[in-house]
Protein backbone atom coordinates (compact mmCIF):
# COMPACT_ATOMS: atom_id res chain seq x y z
CA MET A 1 -13.83 -7.51 -24.82
CA ALA A 2 -16.07 -10.51 -25.54
CA ARG A 3 -13.95 -12.64 -23.21
CA ILE A 4 -14.22 -10.09 -20.41
CA LEU A 5 -18.00 -9.98 -20.80
CA GLU A 6 -18.08 -13.78 -20.73
CA THR A 7 -16.05 -13.76 -17.51
CA PHE A 8 -18.51 -11.36 -15.88
CA ARG A 9 -21.36 -13.64 -16.92
CA ASN A 10 -19.53 -16.56 -15.33
CA ILE A 11 -19.15 -14.54 -12.13
CA ALA A 12 -22.89 -13.91 -12.10
CA LYS A 13 -23.54 -17.67 -12.43
CA VAL A 14 -21.55 -18.52 -9.29
CA GLU A 15 -23.85 -17.55 -6.43
CA ASP A 16 -21.21 -17.66 -3.68
CA LEU A 17 -18.79 -15.51 -5.68
CA ARG A 18 -21.54 -13.09 -6.66
CA GLN A 19 -22.59 -12.64 -3.02
CA ARG A 20 -19.00 -12.11 -1.94
CA ILE A 21 -18.45 -9.39 -4.55
CA ILE A 22 -21.73 -7.63 -3.63
CA PHE A 23 -20.84 -7.79 0.08
CA THR A 24 -17.40 -6.34 -0.61
CA ALA A 25 -18.84 -3.53 -2.73
CA LEU A 26 -21.39 -2.59 -0.04
CA VAL A 27 -18.73 -2.50 2.67
CA LEU A 28 -16.51 -0.28 0.51
CA VAL A 29 -19.48 2.07 0.01
CA VAL A 30 -19.75 2.34 3.81
CA VAL A 31 -16.02 3.13 3.96
CA ARG A 32 -16.41 5.98 1.47
CA ILE A 33 -19.46 7.37 3.27
CA GLY A 34 -17.53 7.50 6.54
CA ALA A 35 -14.75 9.45 4.80
CA HIS A 36 -17.21 12.33 4.26
CA ILE A 37 -18.86 12.50 7.72
CA THR A 38 -17.22 15.50 9.37
CA LEU A 39 -16.33 15.54 13.05
CA PRO A 40 -18.74 17.52 15.27
CA GLY A 41 -17.61 21.06 16.01
CA VAL A 42 -15.88 21.58 12.65
CA ASP A 43 -16.93 24.47 10.39
CA VAL A 44 -17.28 22.78 6.99
CA ALA A 45 -17.01 26.01 4.98
CA ALA A 46 -13.81 27.06 6.77
CA LEU A 47 -12.45 23.52 6.42
CA LYS A 48 -12.92 23.55 2.63
CA ALA A 49 -11.20 26.91 2.37
CA ALA A 50 -8.31 25.76 4.55
CA ALA A 51 -7.99 22.48 2.65
CA GLY A 52 -7.67 24.44 -0.60
CA THR A 53 -4.56 26.16 0.70
CA ALA A 54 -2.90 23.02 2.11
CA SER A 55 0.16 21.55 0.44
CA SER A 56 0.25 17.96 -0.82
CA ASP A 57 4.07 17.78 -0.51
CA THR A 58 3.99 17.04 3.23
CA LEU A 59 3.37 14.05 5.44
CA PHE A 60 -0.20 15.27 5.82
CA GLY A 61 -0.66 15.15 2.05
CA LEU A 62 0.72 11.61 1.90
CA PHE A 63 -1.50 10.58 4.81
CA ASP A 64 -4.55 12.14 3.16
CA LEU A 65 -3.85 10.15 -0.02
CA PHE A 66 -3.92 6.85 1.89
CA VAL A 67 -7.20 7.65 3.66
CA GLY A 68 -8.99 8.78 0.51
CA GLY A 69 -9.32 12.46 1.43
CA ALA A 70 -10.84 11.72 4.84
CA PHE A 71 -8.08 13.68 6.60
CA SER A 72 -8.73 16.87 4.59
CA ASN A 73 -12.46 16.33 5.28
CA ALA A 74 -11.80 16.07 9.05
CA ALA A 75 -13.97 12.95 8.92
CA ILE A 76 -14.57 10.28 11.52
CA PHE A 77 -12.44 7.99 9.30
CA ALA A 78 -9.66 10.60 9.13
CA LEU A 79 -7.06 8.11 10.40
CA GLY A 80 -8.16 5.45 7.93
CA ILE A 81 -6.71 1.99 8.43
CA MET A 82 -3.15 3.29 8.72
CA PRO A 83 -2.82 2.77 12.54
CA TYR A 84 -3.55 -0.94 11.95
CA ILE A 85 -0.88 -1.05 9.23
CA THR A 86 1.56 0.71 11.55
CA ALA A 87 0.90 -1.73 14.40
CA SER A 88 1.30 -4.70 12.06
CA ILE A 89 4.59 -3.41 10.65
CA ILE A 90 5.90 -2.77 14.18
CA LEU A 91 5.13 -6.38 15.16
CA GLN A 92 6.68 -7.65 11.93
CA LEU A 93 9.89 -5.73 12.63
CA ALA A 94 9.77 -6.81 16.30
CA GLY A 95 10.06 -10.41 15.13
CA VAL A 96 13.61 -9.64 13.99
CA VAL A 97 14.60 -8.22 17.40
CA PHE A 98 12.57 -10.13 19.99
CA PRO A 99 12.74 -13.96 20.04
CA GLN A 100 9.30 -14.23 21.69
CA VAL A 101 7.60 -12.49 18.78
CA GLN A 102 9.60 -14.56 16.29
CA LYS A 103 8.47 -17.73 18.07
CA LEU A 104 4.82 -16.68 17.79
CA GLN A 105 5.29 -16.02 14.07
CA ARG A 106 6.35 -19.65 13.64
CA GLU A 107 3.63 -21.26 15.78
CA GLY A 108 1.02 -21.40 13.06
CA GLU A 109 -2.63 -20.64 13.76
CA GLU A 110 -2.25 -20.21 17.53
CA GLY A 111 0.65 -17.78 17.11
CA ARG A 112 -1.20 -15.87 14.42
CA ARG A 113 -4.23 -15.48 16.70
CA LYS A 114 -2.06 -14.12 19.50
CA LEU A 115 -0.28 -11.70 17.16
CA ASN A 116 -3.67 -10.51 15.86
CA GLN A 117 -4.72 -9.69 19.42
CA TRP A 118 -1.53 -7.71 19.99
CA THR A 119 -2.07 -5.93 16.66
CA ARG A 120 -5.59 -4.89 17.64
CA VAL A 121 -4.45 -3.55 21.00
CA GLY A 122 -1.59 -1.70 19.32
CA THR A 123 -4.03 -0.28 16.77
CA VAL A 124 -6.21 1.25 19.50
CA PHE A 125 -3.17 2.75 21.24
CA ILE A 126 -1.67 4.18 18.02
CA SER A 127 -5.08 5.44 16.89
CA ALA A 128 -5.59 7.35 20.13
CA LEU A 129 -2.17 9.02 19.84
CA GLN A 130 -2.64 9.91 16.18
CA ALA A 131 -6.20 11.12 16.79
CA TRP A 132 -4.92 13.46 19.49
CA GLY A 133 -2.32 14.88 17.09
CA VAL A 134 -4.86 15.19 14.25
CA SER A 135 -7.35 16.98 16.54
CA ILE A 136 -4.65 19.53 17.42
CA LYS A 137 -3.82 19.95 13.72
CA ILE A 138 -7.48 20.48 12.77
CA ALA A 139 -8.03 22.93 15.63
CA SER A 140 -5.05 25.00 14.47
CA MET A 141 -6.21 25.22 10.84
CA GLN A 142 -7.56 28.52 9.54
CA GLY A 143 -9.20 29.64 6.34
CA PRO A 144 -7.79 32.39 4.07
CA GLY A 145 -9.51 35.11 6.12
CA GLY A 146 -8.26 33.81 9.45
CA MET A 147 -11.57 32.03 10.04
CA PRO A 148 -10.91 29.08 12.44
CA VAL A 149 -11.90 25.61 11.26
CA VAL A 150 -12.95 24.73 14.81
CA PRO A 151 -14.62 27.77 16.40
CA GLU A 152 -14.60 26.22 19.88
CA HIS A 153 -11.55 23.98 20.14
CA GLY A 154 -11.55 23.24 23.83
CA PHE A 155 -11.17 20.08 25.85
CA LEU A 156 -14.57 18.74 24.78
CA PHE A 157 -13.69 18.91 21.07
CA THR A 158 -10.36 17.12 21.65
CA VAL A 159 -11.97 14.29 23.63
CA THR A 160 -14.82 13.91 21.13
CA ALA A 161 -12.45 13.89 18.15
CA VAL A 162 -10.09 11.37 19.73
CA VAL A 163 -12.93 8.99 20.66
CA LEU A 164 -14.66 9.24 17.27
CA MET A 165 -11.50 8.87 15.15
CA THR A 166 -10.23 5.96 17.26
CA ALA A 167 -13.63 4.27 17.00
CA GLY A 168 -13.60 4.94 13.26
CA THR A 169 -10.27 3.15 12.84
CA VAL A 170 -11.42 0.19 14.94
CA PHE A 171 -14.62 0.03 12.85
CA LEU A 172 -12.56 0.07 9.64
CA MET A 173 -10.37 -2.71 11.02
CA TRP A 174 -13.49 -4.78 11.71
CA LEU A 175 -14.86 -4.04 8.23
CA GLY A 176 -11.56 -5.16 6.70
CA GLU A 177 -11.71 -8.46 8.58
CA GLN A 178 -15.30 -8.96 7.42
CA ILE A 179 -14.27 -8.45 3.78
CA THR A 180 -11.45 -10.98 4.17
CA GLU A 181 -13.79 -13.59 5.70
CA ARG A 182 -17.06 -12.98 3.85
CA GLY A 183 -16.04 -10.98 0.79
CA ILE A 184 -13.42 -11.20 -1.92
CA GLY A 185 -9.82 -10.04 -1.64
CA ASN A 186 -7.84 -8.78 1.33
CA GLY A 187 -10.06 -6.42 3.31
CA ILE A 188 -7.36 -4.15 4.75
CA SER A 189 -5.70 -3.71 1.36
CA LEU A 190 -9.01 -3.04 -0.37
CA ILE A 191 -9.86 -0.27 2.12
CA ILE A 192 -6.58 1.47 1.25
CA PHE A 193 -7.18 0.72 -2.45
CA ILE A 194 -10.64 2.30 -2.53
CA GLY A 195 -9.34 5.37 -0.69
CA ILE A 196 -6.63 5.94 -3.29
CA ILE A 197 -8.71 5.10 -6.35
CA ALA A 198 -11.47 7.45 -5.16
CA GLN A 199 -9.13 10.36 -5.91
CA PHE A 200 -8.71 9.33 -9.57
CA PRO A 201 -12.04 10.78 -10.84
CA ILE A 202 -11.16 14.07 -9.10
CA ALA A 203 -7.78 14.06 -10.88
CA LEU A 204 -9.46 13.44 -14.23
CA LEU A 205 -11.95 16.24 -13.53
CA GLN A 206 -9.07 18.64 -12.88
CA GLU A 207 -7.47 17.67 -16.19
CA TYR A 208 -10.82 18.14 -17.98
CA GLN A 209 -11.16 21.61 -16.48
CA LEU A 210 -7.68 22.48 -17.77
CA ILE A 211 -8.74 21.35 -21.26
CA GLN A 212 -11.96 23.39 -21.03
CA ALA A 213 -9.97 26.45 -19.95
CA GLY A 214 -7.57 26.03 -22.88
CA SER A 215 -4.57 25.40 -20.64
CA ARG A 216 -4.10 21.85 -21.88
CA LEU A 217 -4.59 20.19 -25.28
CA LEU A 218 -6.74 17.07 -25.48
CA ILE A 219 -4.03 15.20 -27.40
CA VAL A 220 -1.61 15.81 -24.51
CA ASP A 221 -3.95 14.15 -22.01
CA LEU A 222 -4.51 11.23 -24.39
CA ILE A 223 -0.73 10.75 -24.61
CA LEU A 224 -0.51 10.94 -20.81
CA LEU A 225 -3.19 8.25 -20.44
CA GLY A 226 -1.27 6.04 -22.88
CA LEU A 227 1.88 6.61 -20.83
CA LEU A 228 -0.05 5.66 -17.69
CA VAL A 229 -1.15 2.38 -19.29
CA GLY A 230 2.45 1.59 -20.22
CA ILE A 231 3.65 2.30 -16.66
CA ILE A 232 0.95 0.03 -15.24
CA ALA A 233 1.99 -2.76 -17.63
CA ALA A 234 5.63 -2.41 -16.51
CA ILE A 235 4.63 -2.52 -12.83
CA VAL A 236 2.55 -5.64 -13.43
CA LEU A 237 5.49 -7.28 -15.19
CA VAL A 238 7.92 -6.55 -12.34
CA THR A 239 5.36 -7.36 -9.62
CA LEU A 240 4.78 -10.83 -11.09
CA GLY A 241 8.43 -11.37 -12.02
CA VAL A 242 10.15 -14.24 -10.19
CA ARG A 243 13.44 -16.11 -10.36
CA LYS A 244 12.72 -19.83 -10.05
CA ILE A 245 15.29 -21.96 -8.21
CA PRO A 246 14.88 -25.72 -8.87
CA VAL A 247 14.47 -27.80 -5.70
CA GLN A 248 14.80 -31.60 -5.79
CA TYR A 249 13.13 -33.70 -3.09
CA ALA A 250 14.67 -37.05 -2.15
CA LYS A 251 12.62 -40.23 -2.46
CA ARG A 252 11.18 -41.69 0.73
CA ILE A 253 9.58 -45.11 1.06
CA VAL A 254 6.82 -45.28 3.66
CA GLY A 255 5.28 -48.75 3.72
CA GLN A 256 4.57 -49.62 0.13
CA LYS A 257 4.33 -46.02 -1.07
CA VAL A 258 7.08 -43.83 -2.49
CA TYR A 259 7.07 -40.12 -1.59
CA GLY A 260 9.22 -37.33 -3.02
CA GLY A 261 11.53 -37.68 -5.97
CA THR A 262 9.95 -34.68 -7.66
CA THR A 263 11.39 -31.35 -8.80
CA GLN A 264 9.71 -28.15 -7.65
CA TYR A 265 10.72 -24.52 -7.79
CA LEU A 266 11.45 -21.92 -5.13
CA PRO A 267 10.19 -18.58 -6.54
CA LEU A 268 12.19 -15.49 -5.55
CA ARG A 269 10.36 -12.28 -6.40
CA VAL A 270 12.16 -9.50 -8.20
CA ASN A 271 10.28 -7.07 -5.98
CA THR A 272 10.26 -8.89 -2.64
CA ALA A 273 9.93 -5.70 -0.59
CA GLY A 274 6.75 -4.58 -2.36
CA VAL A 275 5.67 -0.99 -1.82
CA MET A 276 7.23 -0.53 1.63
CA PRO A 277 10.56 1.05 0.45
CA ILE A 278 8.69 3.85 -1.31
CA ILE A 279 6.46 4.43 1.72
CA PHE A 280 9.47 4.70 4.03
CA ALA A 281 11.40 6.90 1.59
CA GLN A 282 8.41 9.13 0.89
CA ALA A 283 7.81 9.63 4.60
CA ILE A 284 11.47 10.66 5.08
CA MET A 285 11.44 13.01 2.07
CA PHE A 286 8.32 14.77 3.35
CA ILE A 287 9.70 15.40 6.85
CA PRO A 288 11.60 18.66 5.99
CA ASN A 289 8.58 20.18 4.20
CA THR A 290 6.35 19.17 7.11
CA ILE A 291 8.68 20.83 9.63
CA ILE A 292 8.70 24.02 7.54
CA THR A 293 4.90 24.28 7.84
CA PHE A 294 5.30 24.59 11.62
CA PHE A 295 8.13 27.19 11.38
CA PRO A 296 7.33 29.31 8.30
CA GLU A 297 9.11 32.42 9.62
CA ALA A 298 12.35 30.69 10.63
CA PRO A 299 15.48 32.06 8.87
CA TRP A 300 16.50 28.60 7.68
CA ALA A 301 13.04 27.70 6.30
CA ASN A 302 13.60 29.29 2.87
CA PHE A 303 16.99 27.60 2.44
CA VAL A 304 15.60 24.15 3.34
CA ALA A 305 12.62 24.71 1.05
CA GLN A 306 14.91 25.42 -1.91
CA ILE A 307 17.23 22.47 -1.25
CA TRP A 308 14.38 20.09 -0.57
CA SER A 309 12.15 21.27 -3.38
CA ASP A 310 10.89 18.48 -5.62
CA GLN A 311 12.13 20.53 -8.58
CA SER A 312 15.78 20.24 -7.52
CA PHE A 313 18.15 17.53 -8.72
CA PHE A 314 19.22 16.82 -5.13
CA TYR A 315 15.64 15.92 -4.17
CA GLY A 316 15.23 13.37 -6.96
CA PHE A 317 18.68 11.85 -6.44
CA ALA A 318 18.24 11.55 -2.66
CA TYR A 319 14.76 10.08 -3.13
CA ALA A 320 16.06 7.38 -5.52
CA VAL A 321 19.02 6.48 -3.28
CA ILE A 322 16.80 6.14 -0.20
CA VAL A 323 14.39 3.89 -2.12
CA VAL A 324 17.25 1.59 -3.21
CA LEU A 325 18.64 1.37 0.33
CA PHE A 326 15.25 0.68 1.88
CA THR A 327 14.55 -2.01 -0.75
CA TYR A 328 17.56 -4.00 0.40
CA PHE A 329 16.78 -3.29 4.06
CA TYR A 330 13.15 -4.44 3.90
CA THR A 331 13.99 -7.44 1.70
CA ALA A 332 16.45 -8.60 4.37
CA ILE A 333 13.68 -8.32 6.97
CA VAL A 334 10.87 -10.13 5.16
CA PHE A 335 12.97 -12.90 3.56
CA ASN A 336 15.39 -15.01 5.58
CA PRO A 337 17.54 -17.30 3.36
CA GLN A 338 18.79 -19.29 6.36
CA GLU A 339 15.23 -20.08 7.46
CA VAL A 340 14.31 -21.18 3.92
CA ALA A 341 17.42 -23.39 3.75
CA ASP A 342 16.58 -24.99 7.11
CA THR A 343 13.00 -25.66 5.97
CA LEU A 344 14.19 -27.31 2.76
CA LYS A 345 16.62 -29.48 4.74
CA ARG A 346 13.89 -30.64 7.15
CA GLN A 347 11.60 -31.53 4.25
CA GLY A 348 14.31 -33.47 2.43
CA GLY A 349 14.72 -30.91 -0.34
CA PHE A 350 17.93 -29.65 -1.86
CA ILE A 351 19.08 -27.45 -4.72
CA PRO A 352 20.94 -29.52 -7.34
CA GLY A 353 24.67 -28.91 -7.10
CA VAL A 354 24.43 -27.08 -3.76
CA ARG A 355 24.98 -28.72 -0.38
CA PRO A 356 22.11 -28.39 2.12
CA GLY A 357 22.37 -26.02 5.08
CA ARG A 358 24.71 -23.03 5.11
CA GLN A 359 25.76 -23.29 1.44
CA THR A 360 22.11 -23.38 0.36
CA ALA A 361 21.40 -20.24 2.42
CA GLU A 362 24.40 -18.48 0.86
CA TYR A 363 23.30 -19.55 -2.64
CA ILE A 364 19.77 -18.23 -2.12
CA ASP A 365 21.08 -15.01 -0.56
CA ARG A 366 23.42 -14.45 -3.51
CA ILE A 367 20.63 -14.85 -6.06
CA LEU A 368 18.26 -12.68 -4.01
CA THR A 369 20.86 -9.90 -3.81
CA ARG A 370 21.34 -9.98 -7.59
CA ILE A 371 17.65 -9.85 -8.50
CA THR A 372 16.92 -7.23 -5.84
CA PHE A 373 19.25 -4.76 -7.55
CA PRO A 374 17.17 -4.32 -10.75
CA GLY A 375 14.04 -4.46 -8.60
CA SER A 376 15.31 -1.63 -6.42
CA LEU A 377 16.26 0.47 -9.47
CA PHE A 378 12.79 -0.06 -10.90
CA LEU A 379 11.21 1.04 -7.61
CA ALA A 380 13.44 4.14 -7.61
CA VAL A 381 12.26 5.03 -11.14
CA VAL A 382 8.62 4.44 -10.17
CA ALA A 383 9.11 6.60 -7.07
CA ILE A 384 10.40 9.64 -8.94
CA LEU A 385 8.03 9.32 -11.92
CA PRO A 386 5.31 11.51 -10.33
CA VAL A 387 7.91 14.23 -9.69
CA PHE A 388 9.06 14.01 -13.33
CA VAL A 389 5.52 14.07 -14.72
CA ARG A 390 4.56 17.03 -12.52
CA ASN A 391 7.64 19.16 -13.23
CA VAL A 392 8.40 18.31 -16.86
CA LEU A 393 4.94 17.61 -18.30
CA GLY A 394 3.08 20.15 -16.14
CA VAL A 395 0.53 17.68 -14.75
CA SER A 396 -1.38 18.54 -11.57
CA SER A 397 -0.05 17.03 -8.34
CA LEU A 398 -3.08 14.79 -7.82
CA PHE A 399 -3.05 13.36 -11.35
CA ALA A 400 0.74 12.99 -11.29
CA SER A 401 0.52 10.81 -8.15
CA PHE A 402 -1.12 8.07 -10.26
CA PHE A 403 1.88 7.83 -12.60
CA GLY A 404 3.98 6.02 -10.02
CA GLY A 405 4.93 6.10 -6.40
CA THR A 406 3.02 4.49 -3.57
CA SER A 407 -0.48 4.95 -4.94
CA LEU A 408 0.04 3.17 -8.27
CA LEU A 409 1.97 0.26 -6.71
CA ILE A 410 -0.81 -0.29 -4.18
CA ILE A 411 -3.51 -0.09 -6.85
CA VAL A 412 -1.76 -2.61 -9.10
CA GLY A 413 -0.83 -4.96 -6.24
CA VAL A 414 -4.30 -5.07 -4.68
CA ALA A 415 -5.98 -5.41 -8.08
CA LEU A 416 -3.76 -8.40 -8.95
CA ASP A 417 -4.46 -10.06 -5.61
CA THR A 418 -8.24 -9.59 -5.95
CA LEU A 419 -8.23 -10.84 -9.54
CA GLN A 420 -6.30 -13.91 -8.43
CA GLN A 421 -8.96 -14.75 -5.84
CA ILE A 422 -11.76 -14.26 -8.37
CA GLU A 423 -9.82 -16.44 -10.83
CA SER A 424 -9.47 -19.16 -8.20
CA HIS A 425 -13.22 -19.19 -7.52
CA LEU A 426 -14.01 -19.47 -11.23
CA VAL A 427 -11.42 -22.17 -12.00
CA MET A 428 -12.56 -24.19 -8.98
CA ARG A 429 -16.03 -24.31 -10.52
CA HIS A 430 -14.69 -25.10 -14.01
CA TYR A 431 -15.23 -21.63 -15.43
CA GLU A 432 -12.66 -19.69 -17.39
CA GLY A 433 -11.37 -16.56 -15.67
CA PHE A 434 -9.85 -13.35 -16.99
CA MET A 435 -6.69 -15.14 -18.13
CA ARG A 436 -6.92 -17.70 -20.93
CA SER A 437 -3.53 -19.15 -20.02
CA GLY A 438 -0.99 -18.67 -17.31
CA LYS A 439 -1.63 -17.92 -13.69
CA LEU A 440 -2.06 -14.69 -11.82
CA ARG A 441 0.25 -14.42 -8.84
CA GLY A 442 -1.39 -11.74 -6.75
CA ARG A 443 0.50 -9.34 -4.55
CA VAL A 444 -1.30 -7.35 -1.93
CA GLY A 445 -0.69 -3.71 -1.36
CA ILE A 446 1.22 -3.04 1.82
CA GLY A 447 3.60 -5.16 3.80
CA GLY A 448 1.72 -8.38 3.17
CA PHE A 449 -1.73 -7.05 4.15
C-alpha cells in the first residue's frame, strides 16, 4: 500500500503526466454524461419501465453492456463507439481479401492516415444504419401497461434520432482521438472501458440489496469477490504470457562500425486473438434469443428457447466450441508467420537451427498453433464462467458478467495498457512505477484499439 501511495505521489510530481490524467478523466466524465441524455420525444418514465422488462440475454443486452447502459437509456450516445470498432474490424479483415487495403496497411504513416479516413467515413455510414434500426427498436418499445416509450414516433422522431445518435458516435470518436493524443491510454478502448466499469457499482448495489433482503449471506458475496480477484489474476497471467523465440542477427560491417551480432527474441502471445473470439461467439449465441423477441408467438419459439437456454448443457458446449474455433480463425488473421519470416530475412535475422524463409514461417506457425490451443481453451473457460456463476451460484446477471466473458477481458486489457503508459512516463523521468521489477506488457481491449 505504501508503494502505491508513493507511486501516486510520483504521478502528481510529473506535471505533464498529471495533466494528461486529468484531461482523460474529464473527457470520460463527458462520455458518461452523454450516456444519460435521453433522445427528444422519449417518455423517460415509460422507458424505465420498459427497460426493466428487457432481457440481457440478447444482442441488445450485449450492445447495452458495451455502451455503458446508454442504449437502455435511449441516450444520444446509445450507439457508443461500437460503429467505429465495427468499421475498423471490417477494414482489418478487408486487408486479408483486398490487396489494395493490405498495401495501405504496409505503407507506414501515409497508409495509416488513409485507412483512418476510410474508417471515419465507414463509421458515419454504419452509425446512420444502426441509428435507424435503434430508433425503430425504441419506437416499438412499450411499458408494462402498454404505454409507448415514444408517444409520437413519426418521421420527425426517426430523423432526429438518427442525426443525434450518429453525431454522438462521431463526437465519441473525436473524444477518443483526443484522449490518445492529449491524454493517457488508448482513447477508444478507454471509452468502452468506462462504459463497462460504470455498471459495476450497480451490480454491487444489487448484491447489497439481496443481502439486506436476507436472500444472500454476506460471507457468500465475500467468497465471490475473492473468486473474482483470482479470475482477474489468471486473466492477467494469460494476457501477459508469451513464448519467446530467439532470433540471431548476423554481423554487418559498415565503414568502421559493426552492426548486428546480437540475440533478440520474437514474442508470441498465448492469447494473440485477444477478446475478439468471445465477442464473435457471444454475438452468434445471442442471435436465436434475439430472433425470439421478434416472434414470441411462433410455434417454434418455445423449442428454440429451451434448446438455446443458457442453463442447458448444449448452450455451454456450443459456446465453448465456437470460442475455440474463432480463436484460431482470428489468430490466423492478425498474425501472418510468412510476413514475419520475410521481415526477419530482410533484416538479416534468423532463428538458430532453422533456415530463413519458408522453413522459418513453418516453424513460427507450428509454435503459434501449439500455444494458441491452451489460449483458446482458457478463453472458452472465461467465456462460460458468467453462465456458470449465474446458474450454479445464483448471482445476478449483471454481477455475473464481471466474472468473465467480454467485459472482464476488456477491463483487464485496457487497465494493463493504461498502466503500461503511466509506467513509461514515470520511468522516463526516473521515478519508480507500480511495478518494482519486471515490465508491464499492455494489451488494449478490442482488436488492437
